[in-house]
Full PDB file with SEQRES, HELIX, SHEET, SSBOND, CRYST1, ORIGX, SCALE, CONECT and MASTER records, all heavy atoms in Angstrom:
SEQRES   1 A   43  LEU ASP THR LEU TYR LYS ASN SER ASP THR ASP PHE ILE          
SEQRES   2 A   43  GLN SER SER ILE SER MET ASN CYS GLY PHE ARG PRO ASN          
SEQRES   3 A   43  GLN LEU PHE LEU ALA ASP LEU ASP TYR LEU ASN PRO LYS          
SEQRES   4 A   43  TYR GLN TYR ASP                                              
HELIX    1 AA1 LEU A   33  LEU A   36  5                                   4    
HELIX    2 AA2 PRO A   38  TYR A   40  5                                   3    
CRYST1    1.000    1.000    1.000  90.00  90.00  90.00 P 1           1          
ORIGX1      1.000000  0.000000  0.000000        0.00000                         
ORIGX2      0.000000  1.000000  0.000000        0.00000                         
ORIGX3      0.000000  0.000000  1.000000        0.00000                         
SCALE1      1.000000  0.000000  0.000000        0.00000                         
SCALE2      0.000000  1.000000  0.000000        0.00000                         
SCALE3      0.000000  0.000000  1.000000        0.00000                         
ATOM      1  N   LEU A   1     -59.955 158.251 147.052  1.00  0.00           N  
ATOM      2  CA  LEU A   1     -61.187 157.536 147.098  1.00  0.00           C  
ATOM      3  C   LEU A   1     -61.428 156.845 145.817  1.00  0.00           C  
ATOM      4  O   LEU A   1     -61.374 157.529 144.766  1.00  0.00           O  
ATOM      5  CB  LEU A   1     -62.295 158.549 147.375  1.00  0.00           C  
ATOM      6  CG  LEU A   1     -62.543 159.068 148.796  1.00  0.00           C  
ATOM      7  CD1 LEU A   1     -63.561 160.228 148.816  1.00  0.00           C  
ATOM      8  CD2 LEU A   1     -62.843 158.017 149.812  1.00  0.00           C  
ATOM      9  N   ASP A   2     -61.647 155.534 145.871  1.00  0.00           N  
ATOM     10  CA  ASP A   2     -61.823 154.791 144.679  1.00  0.00           C  
ATOM     11  C   ASP A   2     -63.052 153.862 144.780  1.00  0.00           C  
ATOM     12  O   ASP A   2     -63.542 153.559 145.881  1.00  0.00           O  
ATOM     13  CB  ASP A   2     -60.628 153.829 144.403  1.00  0.00           C  
ATOM     14  CG  ASP A   2     -59.354 154.628 144.252  1.00  0.00           C  
ATOM     15  OD1 ASP A   2     -59.196 155.245 143.252  1.00  0.00           O  
ATOM     16  OD2 ASP A   2     -58.541 154.597 145.168  1.00  0.00           O  
ATOM     17  N   THR A   3     -63.612 153.465 143.573  1.00  0.00           N  
ATOM     18  CA  THR A   3     -64.733 152.518 143.607  1.00  0.00           C  
ATOM     19  C   THR A   3     -64.168 151.128 143.597  1.00  0.00           C  
ATOM     20  O   THR A   3     -63.358 150.770 142.760  1.00  0.00           O  
ATOM     21  CB  THR A   3     -65.595 152.801 142.343  1.00  0.00           C  
ATOM     22  OG1 THR A   3     -66.053 154.133 142.332  1.00  0.00           O  
ATOM     23  CG2 THR A   3     -66.791 151.862 142.368  1.00  0.00           C  
ATOM     24  N   LEU A   4     -64.627 150.271 144.549  1.00  0.00           N  
ATOM     25  CA  LEU A   4     -64.198 148.935 144.642  1.00  0.00           C  
ATOM     26  C   LEU A   4     -65.309 148.048 144.185  1.00  0.00           C  
ATOM     27  O   LEU A   4     -66.337 147.806 144.874  1.00  0.00           O  
ATOM     28  CB  LEU A   4     -63.810 148.578 146.083  1.00  0.00           C  
ATOM     29  CG  LEU A   4     -63.359 147.168 146.359  1.00  0.00           C  
ATOM     30  CD1 LEU A   4     -62.201 146.746 145.496  1.00  0.00           C  
ATOM     31  CD2 LEU A   4     -63.121 146.980 147.873  1.00  0.00           C  
ATOM     32  N   TYR A   5     -65.325 147.623 142.875  1.00  0.00           N  
ATOM     33  CA  TYR A   5     -66.477 146.862 142.304  1.00  0.00           C  
ATOM     34  C   TYR A   5     -66.519 145.554 142.918  1.00  0.00           C  
ATOM     35  O   TYR A   5     -65.597 144.913 143.513  1.00  0.00           O  
ATOM     36  CB  TYR A   5     -66.278 146.857 140.843  1.00  0.00           C  
ATOM     37  CG  TYR A   5     -66.340 148.184 140.164  1.00  0.00           C  
ATOM     38  CD1 TYR A   5     -65.134 148.871 139.796  1.00  0.00           C  
ATOM     39  CD2 TYR A   5     -67.541 148.846 139.920  1.00  0.00           C  
ATOM     40  CE1 TYR A   5     -65.201 150.132 139.225  1.00  0.00           C  
ATOM     41  CE2 TYR A   5     -67.551 150.088 139.358  1.00  0.00           C  
ATOM     42  CZ  TYR A   5     -66.445 150.755 138.973  1.00  0.00           C  
ATOM     43  OH  TYR A   5     -66.463 151.989 138.438  1.00  0.00           O  
ATOM     44  N   LYS A   6     -67.744 144.931 142.766  1.00  0.00           N  
ATOM     45  CA  LYS A   6     -67.958 143.568 143.293  1.00  0.00           C  
ATOM     46  C   LYS A   6     -67.028 142.538 142.722  1.00  0.00           C  
ATOM     47  O   LYS A   6     -66.578 142.743 141.501  1.00  0.00           O  
ATOM     48  CB  LYS A   6     -69.444 143.155 143.008  1.00  0.00           C  
ATOM     49  CG  LYS A   6     -69.881 143.092 141.601  1.00  0.00           C  
ATOM     50  CD  LYS A   6     -71.262 142.760 141.507  1.00  0.00           C  
ATOM     51  CE  LYS A   6     -71.694 142.632 139.970  1.00  0.00           C  
ATOM     52  NZ  LYS A   6     -73.108 142.299 139.847  1.00  0.00           N  
ATOM     53  N   ASN A   7     -66.583 141.582 143.474  1.00  0.00           N  
ATOM     54  CA  ASN A   7     -65.663 140.498 142.989  1.00  0.00           C  
ATOM     55  C   ASN A   7     -64.486 141.042 142.203  1.00  0.00           C  
ATOM     56  O   ASN A   7     -64.163 140.597 141.187  1.00  0.00           O  
ATOM     57  CB  ASN A   7     -66.467 139.519 142.149  1.00  0.00           C  
ATOM     58  CG  ASN A   7     -67.520 138.886 142.932  1.00  0.00           C  
ATOM     59  OD1 ASN A   7     -67.356 138.237 143.985  1.00  0.00           O  
ATOM     60  ND2 ASN A   7     -68.752 138.877 142.371  1.00  0.00           N  
ATOM     61  N   SER A   8     -63.785 141.963 142.805  1.00  0.00           N  
ATOM     62  CA  SER A   8     -62.631 142.631 142.108  1.00  0.00           C  
ATOM     63  C   SER A   8     -61.547 142.951 143.094  1.00  0.00           C  
ATOM     64  O   SER A   8     -61.827 143.016 144.381  1.00  0.00           O  
ATOM     65  CB  SER A   8     -63.038 143.846 141.426  1.00  0.00           C  
ATOM     66  OG  SER A   8     -63.399 144.888 142.217  1.00  0.00           O  
ATOM     67  N   ASP A   9     -60.333 143.126 142.700  1.00  0.00           N  
ATOM     68  CA  ASP A   9     -59.147 143.546 143.506  1.00  0.00           C  
ATOM     69  C   ASP A   9     -58.653 144.851 142.946  1.00  0.00           C  
ATOM     70  O   ASP A   9     -58.724 145.093 141.748  1.00  0.00           O  
ATOM     71  CB  ASP A   9     -58.123 142.478 143.499  1.00  0.00           C  
ATOM     72  CG  ASP A   9     -58.560 141.164 144.124  1.00  0.00           C  
ATOM     73  OD1 ASP A   9     -59.614 141.150 144.662  1.00  0.00           O  
ATOM     74  OD2 ASP A   9     -57.867 140.225 143.854  1.00  0.00           O  
ATOM     75  N   THR A  10     -58.011 145.617 143.794  1.00  0.00           N  
ATOM     76  CA  THR A  10     -57.184 146.747 143.344  1.00  0.00           C  
ATOM     77  C   THR A  10     -55.736 146.430 143.250  1.00  0.00           C  
ATOM     78  O   THR A  10     -55.355 145.416 143.759  1.00  0.00           O  
ATOM     79  CB  THR A  10     -57.420 148.039 144.316  1.00  0.00           C  
ATOM     80  OG1 THR A  10     -56.783 147.653 145.544  1.00  0.00           O  
ATOM     81  CG2 THR A  10     -58.876 148.325 144.568  1.00  0.00           C  
ATOM     82  N   ASP A  11     -55.064 147.240 142.635  1.00  0.00           N  
ATOM     83  CA  ASP A  11     -53.520 147.081 142.790  1.00  0.00           C  
ATOM     84  C   ASP A  11     -53.206 147.739 144.147  1.00  0.00           C  
ATOM     85  O   ASP A  11     -54.022 148.282 144.855  1.00  0.00           O  
ATOM     86  CB  ASP A  11     -52.874 147.977 141.692  1.00  0.00           C  
ATOM     87  CG  ASP A  11     -53.148 147.391 140.294  1.00  0.00           C  
ATOM     88  OD1 ASP A  11     -53.307 146.144 140.174  1.00  0.00           O  
ATOM     89  OD2 ASP A  11     -53.179 148.163 139.362  1.00  0.00           O  
ATOM     90  N   PHE A  12     -51.893 147.681 144.481  1.00  0.00           N  
ATOM     91  CA  PHE A  12     -51.432 148.376 145.698  1.00  0.00           C  
ATOM     92  C   PHE A  12     -51.525 149.869 145.409  1.00  0.00           C  
ATOM     93  O   PHE A  12     -50.941 150.416 144.441  1.00  0.00           O  
ATOM     94  CB  PHE A  12     -50.095 147.899 146.090  1.00  0.00           C  
ATOM     95  CG  PHE A  12     -50.028 146.610 146.879  1.00  0.00           C  
ATOM     96  CD1 PHE A  12     -49.664 145.414 146.268  1.00  0.00           C  
ATOM     97  CD2 PHE A  12     -50.371 146.628 148.218  1.00  0.00           C  
ATOM     98  CE1 PHE A  12     -49.720 144.283 147.032  1.00  0.00           C  
ATOM     99  CE2 PHE A  12     -50.391 145.453 149.008  1.00  0.00           C  
ATOM    100  CZ  PHE A  12     -50.050 144.273 148.366  1.00  0.00           C  
ATOM    101  N   ILE A  13     -52.200 150.662 146.263  1.00  0.00           N  
ATOM    102  CA  ILE A  13     -52.393 152.040 146.114  1.00  0.00           C  
ATOM    103  C   ILE A  13     -51.615 152.751 147.211  1.00  0.00           C  
ATOM    104  O   ILE A  13     -51.822 152.434 148.358  1.00  0.00           O  
ATOM    105  CB  ILE A  13     -53.868 152.457 146.288  1.00  0.00           C  
ATOM    106  CG1 ILE A  13     -54.800 151.594 145.250  1.00  0.00           C  
ATOM    107  CG2 ILE A  13     -54.094 153.911 146.043  1.00  0.00           C  
ATOM    108  CD1 ILE A  13     -56.234 151.674 145.510  1.00  0.00           C  
ATOM    109  N   GLN A  14     -50.691 153.639 146.804  1.00  0.00           N  
ATOM    110  CA  GLN A  14     -49.939 154.323 147.776  1.00  0.00           C  
ATOM    111  C   GLN A  14     -50.802 155.228 148.645  1.00  0.00           C  
ATOM    112  O   GLN A  14     -51.770 155.876 148.217  1.00  0.00           O  
ATOM    113  CB  GLN A  14     -48.949 155.381 147.053  1.00  0.00           C  
ATOM    114  CG  GLN A  14     -47.989 156.109 147.964  1.00  0.00           C  
ATOM    115  CD  GLN A  14     -47.014 155.237 148.582  1.00  0.00           C  
ATOM    116  OE1 GLN A  14     -46.684 154.154 148.076  1.00  0.00           O  
ATOM    117  NE2 GLN A  14     -46.390 155.735 149.635  1.00  0.00           N  
ATOM    118  N   SER A  15     -50.669 155.065 150.019  1.00  0.00           N  
ATOM    119  CA  SER A  15     -51.456 155.761 150.896  1.00  0.00           C  
ATOM    120  C   SER A  15     -50.899 157.215 151.134  1.00  0.00           C  
ATOM    121  O   SER A  15     -50.016 157.446 151.837  1.00  0.00           O  
ATOM    122  CB  SER A  15     -51.451 155.056 152.237  1.00  0.00           C  
ATOM    123  OG  SER A  15     -52.312 155.692 153.180  1.00  0.00           O  
ATOM    124  N   SER A  16     -51.466 158.105 150.436  1.00  0.00           N  
ATOM    125  CA  SER A  16     -51.039 159.557 150.393  1.00  0.00           C  
ATOM    126  C   SER A  16     -51.662 160.280 151.608  1.00  0.00           C  
ATOM    127  O   SER A  16     -52.621 159.920 152.175  1.00  0.00           O  
ATOM    128  CB  SER A  16     -51.437 160.255 149.118  1.00  0.00           C  
ATOM    129  OG  SER A  16     -52.855 160.151 149.008  1.00  0.00           O  
ATOM    130  N   ILE A  17     -50.910 161.349 152.009  1.00  0.00           N  
ATOM    131  CA  ILE A  17     -51.369 162.124 153.135  1.00  0.00           C  
ATOM    132  C   ILE A  17     -50.813 163.519 153.008  1.00  0.00           C  
ATOM    133  O   ILE A  17     -49.965 163.779 152.148  1.00  0.00           O  
ATOM    134  CB  ILE A  17     -50.796 161.484 154.463  1.00  0.00           C  
ATOM    135  CG1 ILE A  17     -51.528 161.957 155.668  1.00  0.00           C  
ATOM    136  CG2 ILE A  17     -49.272 161.691 154.634  1.00  0.00           C  
ATOM    137  CD1 ILE A  17     -51.177 161.071 156.915  1.00  0.00           C  
ATOM    138  N   SER A  18     -51.280 164.489 153.780  1.00  0.00           N  
ATOM    139  CA  SER A  18     -50.897 165.881 153.648  1.00  0.00           C  
ATOM    140  C   SER A  18     -49.410 166.050 153.661  1.00  0.00           C  
ATOM    141  O   SER A  18     -48.731 165.384 154.513  1.00  0.00           O  
ATOM    142  CB  SER A  18     -51.586 166.689 154.788  1.00  0.00           C  
ATOM    143  OG  SER A  18     -52.998 166.575 154.728  1.00  0.00           O  
ATOM    144  N   MET A  19     -48.873 167.090 153.110  1.00  0.00           N  
ATOM    145  CA  MET A  19     -47.545 167.370 153.110  1.00  0.00           C  
ATOM    146  C   MET A  19     -47.091 167.633 154.508  1.00  0.00           C  
ATOM    147  O   MET A  19     -47.788 168.246 155.320  1.00  0.00           O  
ATOM    148  CB  MET A  19     -47.231 168.640 152.157  1.00  0.00           C  
ATOM    149  CG  MET A  19     -45.678 168.891 152.039  1.00  0.00           C  
ATOM    150  SD  MET A  19     -45.522 170.390 150.926  1.00  0.00           S  
ATOM    151  CE  MET A  19     -46.220 169.743 149.398  1.00  0.00           C  
ATOM    152  N   ASN A  20     -45.866 167.202 154.848  1.00  0.00           N  
ATOM    153  CA  ASN A  20     -45.304 167.406 156.168  1.00  0.00           C  
ATOM    154  C   ASN A  20     -45.893 166.494 157.311  1.00  0.00           C  
ATOM    155  O   ASN A  20     -45.595 166.655 158.428  1.00  0.00           O  
ATOM    156  CB  ASN A  20     -45.305 168.818 156.642  1.00  0.00           C  
ATOM    157  CG  ASN A  20     -44.537 169.796 155.705  1.00  0.00           C  
ATOM    158  OD1 ASN A  20     -43.488 169.450 155.203  1.00  0.00           O  
ATOM    159  ND2 ASN A  20     -45.029 170.971 155.529  1.00  0.00           N  
ATOM    160  N   CYS A  21     -46.893 165.758 156.878  1.00  0.00           N  
ATOM    161  CA  CYS A  21     -47.595 164.873 157.822  1.00  0.00           C  
ATOM    162  C   CYS A  21     -47.421 163.392 157.554  1.00  0.00           C  
ATOM    163  O   CYS A  21     -48.361 162.585 157.761  1.00  0.00           O  
ATOM    164  CB  CYS A  21     -49.026 165.165 157.955  1.00  0.00           C  
ATOM    165  SG  CYS A  21     -49.388 166.831 158.471  1.00  0.00           S  
ATOM    166  N   GLY A  22     -46.351 162.990 156.938  1.00  0.00           N  
ATOM    167  CA  GLY A  22     -46.277 161.647 156.462  1.00  0.00           C  
ATOM    168  C   GLY A  22     -46.211 160.498 157.474  1.00  0.00           C  
ATOM    169  O   GLY A  22     -46.420 159.406 157.194  1.00  0.00           O  
ATOM    170  N   PHE A  23     -45.990 160.943 158.686  1.00  0.00           N  
ATOM    171  CA  PHE A  23     -45.884 159.841 159.765  1.00  0.00           C  
ATOM    172  C   PHE A  23     -46.799 160.147 160.889  1.00  0.00           C  
ATOM    173  O   PHE A  23     -46.400 160.237 162.073  1.00  0.00           O  
ATOM    174  CB  PHE A  23     -44.414 159.812 160.224  1.00  0.00           C  
ATOM    175  CG  PHE A  23     -43.558 159.214 159.154  1.00  0.00           C  
ATOM    176  CD1 PHE A  23     -42.808 160.107 158.326  1.00  0.00           C  
ATOM    177  CD2 PHE A  23     -43.468 157.827 158.814  1.00  0.00           C  
ATOM    178  CE1 PHE A  23     -42.022 159.578 157.256  1.00  0.00           C  
ATOM    179  CE2 PHE A  23     -42.741 157.339 157.772  1.00  0.00           C  
ATOM    180  CZ  PHE A  23     -41.980 158.255 157.011  1.00  0.00           C  
ATOM    181  N   ARG A  24     -48.039 160.407 160.585  1.00  0.00           N  
ATOM    182  CA  ARG A  24     -49.153 160.400 161.558  1.00  0.00           C  
ATOM    183  C   ARG A  24     -50.135 159.433 161.118  1.00  0.00           C  
ATOM    184  O   ARG A  24     -50.263 159.086 159.941  1.00  0.00           O  
ATOM    185  CB  ARG A  24     -49.701 161.822 161.741  1.00  0.00           C  
ATOM    186  CG  ARG A  24     -50.417 162.388 160.507  1.00  0.00           C  
ATOM    187  CD  ARG A  24     -51.112 163.717 160.852  1.00  0.00           C  
ATOM    188  NE  ARG A  24     -51.555 164.373 159.763  1.00  0.00           N  
ATOM    189  CZ  ARG A  24     -52.699 164.193 159.093  1.00  0.00           C  
ATOM    190  NH1 ARG A  24     -53.380 163.122 159.418  1.00  0.00           N  
ATOM    191  NH2 ARG A  24     -53.003 164.878 158.042  1.00  0.00           N  
ATOM    192  N   PRO A  25     -51.021 158.922 162.056  1.00  0.00           N  
ATOM    193  CA  PRO A  25     -52.054 157.999 161.640  1.00  0.00           C  
ATOM    194  C   PRO A  25     -53.108 158.608 160.727  1.00  0.00           C  
ATOM    195  O   PRO A  25     -53.351 159.796 160.778  1.00  0.00           O  
ATOM    196  CB  PRO A  25     -52.688 157.648 163.001  1.00  0.00           C  
ATOM    197  CG  PRO A  25     -51.711 158.070 164.051  1.00  0.00           C  
ATOM    198  CD  PRO A  25     -51.038 159.289 163.551  1.00  0.00           C  
ATOM    199  N   ASN A  26     -53.574 157.730 159.857  1.00  0.00           N  
ATOM    200  CA  ASN A  26     -54.679 158.236 159.060  1.00  0.00           C  
ATOM    201  C   ASN A  26     -55.740 157.063 158.909  1.00  0.00           C  
ATOM    202  O   ASN A  26     -55.438 155.882 159.076  1.00  0.00           O  
ATOM    203  CB  ASN A  26     -54.287 158.698 157.599  1.00  0.00           C  
ATOM    204  CG  ASN A  26     -53.674 157.569 156.742  1.00  0.00           C  
ATOM    205  OD1 ASN A  26     -52.454 157.166 156.968  1.00  0.00           O  
ATOM    206  ND2 ASN A  26     -54.441 157.126 155.802  1.00  0.00           N  
ATOM    207  N   GLN A  27     -56.971 157.469 158.619  1.00  0.00           N  
ATOM    208  CA  GLN A  27     -58.066 156.630 158.530  1.00  0.00           C  
ATOM    209  C   GLN A  27     -58.235 155.861 157.188  1.00  0.00           C  
ATOM    210  O   GLN A  27     -58.001 156.532 156.134  1.00  0.00           O  
ATOM    211  CB  GLN A  27     -59.392 157.245 158.773  1.00  0.00           C  
ATOM    212  CG  GLN A  27     -60.529 156.371 158.806  1.00  0.00           C  
ATOM    213  CD  GLN A  27     -61.889 157.079 158.934  1.00  0.00           C  
ATOM    214  OE1 GLN A  27     -62.041 158.167 158.300  1.00  0.00           O  
ATOM    215  NE2 GLN A  27     -62.811 156.569 159.700  1.00  0.00           N  
ATOM    216  N   LEU A  28     -58.317 154.563 157.147  1.00  0.00           N  
ATOM    217  CA  LEU A  28     -58.603 153.770 155.965  1.00  0.00           C  
ATOM    218  C   LEU A  28     -60.002 153.206 156.150  1.00  0.00           C  
ATOM    219  O   LEU A  28     -60.339 152.743 157.296  1.00  0.00           O  
ATOM    220  CB  LEU A  28     -57.607 152.633 155.845  1.00  0.00           C  
ATOM    221  CG  LEU A  28     -56.129 153.047 155.895  1.00  0.00           C  
ATOM    222  CD1 LEU A  28     -55.207 151.764 155.827  1.00  0.00           C  
ATOM    223  CD2 LEU A  28     -55.765 153.825 154.745  1.00  0.00           C  
ATOM    224  N   PHE A  29     -60.829 153.293 155.134  1.00  0.00           N  
ATOM    225  CA  PHE A  29     -62.172 152.768 155.290  1.00  0.00           C  
ATOM    226  C   PHE A  29     -62.800 152.214 154.035  1.00  0.00           C  
ATOM    227  O   PHE A  29     -62.286 152.475 152.910  1.00  0.00           O  
ATOM    228  CB  PHE A  29     -63.010 153.881 155.953  1.00  0.00           C  
ATOM    229  CG  PHE A  29     -63.417 155.078 155.080  1.00  0.00           C  
ATOM    230  CD1 PHE A  29     -64.327 154.959 154.049  1.00  0.00           C  
ATOM    231  CD2 PHE A  29     -62.730 156.307 155.195  1.00  0.00           C  
ATOM    232  CE1 PHE A  29     -64.572 156.026 153.190  1.00  0.00           C  
ATOM    233  CE2 PHE A  29     -63.043 157.385 154.374  1.00  0.00           C  
ATOM    234  CZ  PHE A  29     -63.963 157.296 153.366  1.00  0.00           C  
ATOM    235  N   LEU A  30     -63.941 151.552 154.294  1.00  0.00           N  
ATOM    236  CA  LEU A  30     -64.777 150.995 153.172  1.00  0.00           C  
ATOM    237  C   LEU A  30     -66.228 151.598 153.510  1.00  0.00           C  
ATOM    238  O   LEU A  30     -66.647 151.506 154.588  1.00  0.00           O  
ATOM    239  CB  LEU A  30     -64.765 149.489 153.146  1.00  0.00           C  
ATOM    240  CG  LEU A  30     -63.501 148.904 152.676  1.00  0.00           C  
ATOM    241  CD1 LEU A  30     -63.396 147.456 153.042  1.00  0.00           C  
ATOM    242  CD2 LEU A  30     -63.393 148.999 151.105  1.00  0.00           C  
ATOM    243  N   ALA A  31     -66.845 152.128 152.471  1.00  0.00           N  
ATOM    244  CA  ALA A  31     -68.187 152.697 152.647  1.00  0.00           C  
ATOM    245  C   ALA A  31     -69.086 152.256 151.546  1.00  0.00           C  
ATOM    246  O   ALA A  31     -68.729 151.856 150.545  1.00  0.00           O  
ATOM    247  CB  ALA A  31     -68.023 154.301 152.634  1.00  0.00           C  
ATOM    248  N   ASP A  32     -70.438 152.452 151.784  1.00  0.00           N  
ATOM    249  CA  ASP A  32     -71.490 152.153 150.816  1.00  0.00           C  
ATOM    250  C   ASP A  32     -71.236 153.157 149.607  1.00  0.00           C  
ATOM    251  O   ASP A  32     -70.718 154.253 149.838  1.00  0.00           O  
ATOM    252  CB  ASP A  32     -72.740 152.375 151.361  1.00  0.00           C  
ATOM    253  CG  ASP A  32     -73.121 151.257 152.362  1.00  0.00           C  
ATOM    254  OD1 ASP A  32     -72.577 150.198 152.259  1.00  0.00           O  
ATOM    255  OD2 ASP A  32     -74.020 151.586 153.281  1.00  0.00           O  
ATOM    256  N   LEU A  33     -71.749 152.772 148.518  1.00  0.00           N  
ATOM    257  CA  LEU A  33     -71.533 153.576 147.244  1.00  0.00           C  
ATOM    258  C   LEU A  33     -72.075 154.884 147.364  1.00  0.00           C  
ATOM    259  O   LEU A  33     -71.454 155.917 146.748  1.00  0.00           O  
ATOM    260  CB  LEU A  33     -72.145 152.730 146.084  1.00  0.00           C  
ATOM    261  CG  LEU A  33     -71.788 153.154 144.675  1.00  0.00           C  
ATOM    262  CD1 LEU A  33     -70.298 153.131 144.410  1.00  0.00           C  
ATOM    263  CD2 LEU A  33     -72.603 152.415 143.700  1.00  0.00           C  
ATOM    264  N   ASP A  34     -73.119 155.146 148.197  1.00  0.00           N  
ATOM    265  CA  ASP A  34     -73.759 156.404 148.289  1.00  0.00           C  
ATOM    266  C   ASP A  34     -72.919 157.400 149.052  1.00  0.00           C  
ATOM    267  O   ASP A  34     -73.299 158.632 149.103  1.00  0.00           O  
ATOM    268  CB  ASP A  34     -75.172 156.258 148.961  1.00  0.00           C  
ATOM    269  CG  ASP A  34     -76.040 157.492 148.664  1.00  0.00           C  
ATOM    270  OD1 ASP A  34     -76.119 157.935 147.567  1.00  0.00           O  
ATOM    271  OD2 ASP A  34     -76.721 157.933 149.646  1.00  0.00           O  
ATOM    272  N   TYR A  35     -71.788 156.988 149.538  1.00  0.00           N  
ATOM    273  CA  TYR A  35     -70.808 157.886 150.286  1.00  0.00           C  
ATOM    274  C   TYR A  35     -70.404 159.082 149.403  1.00  0.00           C  
ATOM    275  O   TYR A  35     -70.232 160.167 149.920  1.00  0.00           O  
ATOM    276  CB  TYR A  35     -69.583 157.094 150.705  1.00  0.00           C  
ATOM    277  CG  TYR A  35     -68.722 157.823 151.629  1.00  0.00           C  
ATOM    278  CD1 TYR A  35     -68.906 157.997 152.965  1.00  0.00           C  
ATOM    279  CD2 TYR A  35     -67.627 158.546 151.061  1.00  0.00           C  
ATOM    280  CE1 TYR A  35     -67.989 158.674 153.781  1.00  0.00           C  
ATOM    281  CE2 TYR A  35     -66.709 159.393 151.854  1.00  0.00           C  
ATOM    282  CZ  TYR A  35     -66.951 159.357 153.233  1.00  0.00           C  
ATOM    283  OH  TYR A  35     -66.074 160.097 153.973  1.00  0.00           O  
ATOM    284  N   LEU A  36     -70.424 158.837 148.079  1.00  0.00           N  
ATOM    285  CA  LEU A  36     -69.995 159.963 147.122  1.00  0.00           C  
ATOM    286  C   LEU A  36     -71.215 160.629 146.572  1.00  0.00           C  
ATOM    287  O   LEU A  36     -71.005 161.311 145.503  1.00  0.00           O  
ATOM    288  CB  LEU A  36     -69.102 159.306 146.017  1.00  0.00           C  
ATOM    289  CG  LEU A  36     -67.684 158.798 146.507  1.00  0.00           C  
ATOM    290  CD1 LEU A  36     -66.936 158.304 145.260  1.00  0.00           C  
ATOM    291  CD2 LEU A  36     -66.961 159.866 147.199  1.00  0.00           C  
ATOM    292  N   ASN A  37     -72.283 160.511 147.115  1.00  0.00           N  
ATOM    293  CA  ASN A  37     -73.517 161.254 146.688  1.00  0.00           C  
ATOM    294  C   ASN A  37     -73.189 162.799 146.616  1.00  0.00           C  
ATOM    295  O   ASN A  37     -72.580 163.271 147.638  1.00  0.00           O  
ATOM    296  CB  ASN A  37     -74.694 160.968 147.615  1.00  0.00           C  
ATOM    297  CG  ASN A  37     -76.010 161.558 147.084  1.00  0.00           C  
ATOM    298  OD1 ASN A  37     -76.089 162.670 146.765  1.00  0.00           O  
ATOM    299  ND2 ASN A  37     -76.990 160.695 147.046  1.00  0.00           N  
ATOM    300  N   PRO A  38     -73.494 163.487 145.564  1.00  0.00           N  
ATOM    301  CA  PRO A  38     -73.180 164.908 145.504  1.00  0.00           C  
ATOM    302  C   PRO A  38     -73.658 165.750 146.662  1.00  0.00           C  
ATOM    303  O   PRO A  38     -73.052 166.793 146.915  1.00  0.00           O  
ATOM    304  CB  PRO A  38     -73.837 165.273 144.086  1.00  0.00           C  
ATOM    305  CG  PRO A  38     -73.866 164.030 143.272  1.00  0.00           C  
ATOM    306  CD  PRO A  38     -74.119 162.896 144.332  1.00  0.00           C  
ATOM    307  N   LYS A  39     -74.741 165.254 147.305  1.00  0.00           N  
ATOM    308  CA  LYS A  39     -75.273 166.118 148.387  1.00  0.00           C  
ATOM    309  C   LYS A  39     -74.338 166.291 149.590  1.00  0.00           C  
ATOM    310  O   LYS A  39     -74.504 167.106 150.382  1.00  0.00           O  
ATOM    311  CB  LYS A  39     -76.621 165.494 148.883  1.00  0.00           C  
ATOM    312  CG  LYS A  39     -76.523 164.214 149.561  1.00  0.00           C  
ATOM    313  CD  LYS A  39     -77.904 163.734 150.039  1.00  0.00           C  
ATOM    314  CE  LYS A  39     -77.899 162.454 150.820  1.00  0.00           C  
ATOM    315  NZ  LYS A  39     -79.196 162.009 151.217  1.00  0.00           N  
ATOM    316  N   TYR A  40     -73.374 165.406 149.621  1.00  0.00           N  
ATOM    317  CA  TYR A  40     -72.353 165.453 150.647  1.00  0.00           C  
ATOM    318  C   TYR A  40     -71.120 166.269 150.360  1.00  0.00           C  
ATOM    319  O   TYR A  40     -70.215 166.489 151.155  1.00  0.00           O  
ATOM    320  CB  TYR A  40     -71.863 164.045 151.096  1.00  0.00           C  
ATOM    321  CG  TYR A  40     -72.959 163.109 151.567  1.00  0.00           C  
ATOM    322  CD1 TYR A  40     -73.145 161.843 150.965  1.00  0.00           C  
ATOM    323  CD2 TYR A  40     -73.835 163.447 152.541  1.00  0.00           C  
ATOM    324  CE1 TYR A  40     -74.132 160.969 151.349  1.00  0.00           C  
ATOM    325  CE2 TYR A  40     -74.818 162.596 152.942  1.00  0.00           C  
ATOM    326  CZ  TYR A  40     -75.020 161.365 152.382  1.00  0.00           C  
ATOM    327  OH  TYR A  40     -75.993 160.476 152.721  1.00  0.00           O  
ATOM    328  N   GLN A  41     -71.056 166.694 148.995  1.00  0.00           N  
ATOM    329  CA  GLN A  41     -69.832 167.386 148.666  1.00  0.00           C  
ATOM    330  C   GLN A  41     -69.972 168.938 149.023  1.00  0.00           C  
ATOM    331  O   GLN A  41     -71.037 169.477 149.278  1.00  0.00           O  
ATOM    332  CB  GLN A  41     -69.757 167.314 147.044  1.00  0.00           C  
ATOM    333  CG  GLN A  41     -69.646 165.950 146.603  1.00  0.00           C  
ATOM    334  CD  GLN A  41     -68.705 165.028 147.245  1.00  0.00           C  
ATOM    335  OE1 GLN A  41     -67.501 165.398 147.377  1.00  0.00           O  
ATOM    336  NE2 GLN A  41     -69.064 163.844 147.779  1.00  0.00           N  
ATOM    337  N   TYR A  42     -68.784 169.529 149.081  1.00  0.00           N  
ATOM    338  CA  TYR A  42     -68.700 170.863 149.630  1.00  0.00           C  
ATOM    339  C   TYR A  42     -69.573 171.855 148.820  1.00  0.00           C  
ATOM    340  O   TYR A  42     -70.225 172.777 149.462  1.00  0.00           O  
ATOM    341  CB  TYR A  42     -67.244 171.346 149.506  1.00  0.00           C  
ATOM    342  CG  TYR A  42     -67.116 172.887 149.996  1.00  0.00           C  
ATOM    343  CD1 TYR A  42     -67.270 173.201 151.357  1.00  0.00           C  
ATOM    344  CD2 TYR A  42     -66.779 173.779 149.004  1.00  0.00           C  
ATOM    345  CE1 TYR A  42     -67.088 174.528 151.708  1.00  0.00           C  
ATOM    346  CE2 TYR A  42     -66.735 175.053 149.363  1.00  0.00           C  
ATOM    347  CZ  TYR A  42     -66.837 175.517 150.672  1.00  0.00           C  
ATOM    348  OH  TYR A  42     -66.775 176.801 151.082  1.00  0.00           O  
ATOM    349  N   ASP A  43     -69.637 171.661 147.532  1.00  0.00           N  
ATOM    350  CA  ASP A  43     -70.406 172.671 146.697  1.00  0.00           C  
ATOM    351  C   ASP A  43     -71.873 172.660 147.091  1.00  0.00           C  
ATOM    352  O   ASP A  43     -72.649 173.695 146.951  1.00  0.00           O  
ATOM    353  CB  ASP A  43     -70.305 172.319 145.205  1.00  0.00           C  
ATOM    354  CG  ASP A  43     -68.939 172.677 144.663  1.00  0.00           C  
ATOM    355  OD1 ASP A  43     -68.192 173.449 145.346  1.00  0.00           O  
ATOM    356  OD2 ASP A  43     -68.559 172.243 143.558  1.00  0.00           O  
TER     357      ASP A  43                                                      
MASTER        0    0    0    2    0    0    0    6  356    1    0    4          
END                                                                             
């Protein structure tokens, strides 16, 4: 999970996945900044 700032590009980011599951589909997404609000975290 990375912050994508306005008017900016990222480098190519390796799409990591759980061990032994390298060839199953996974979700890629873009979300509002509040997605990382602490209230949504496990703690």
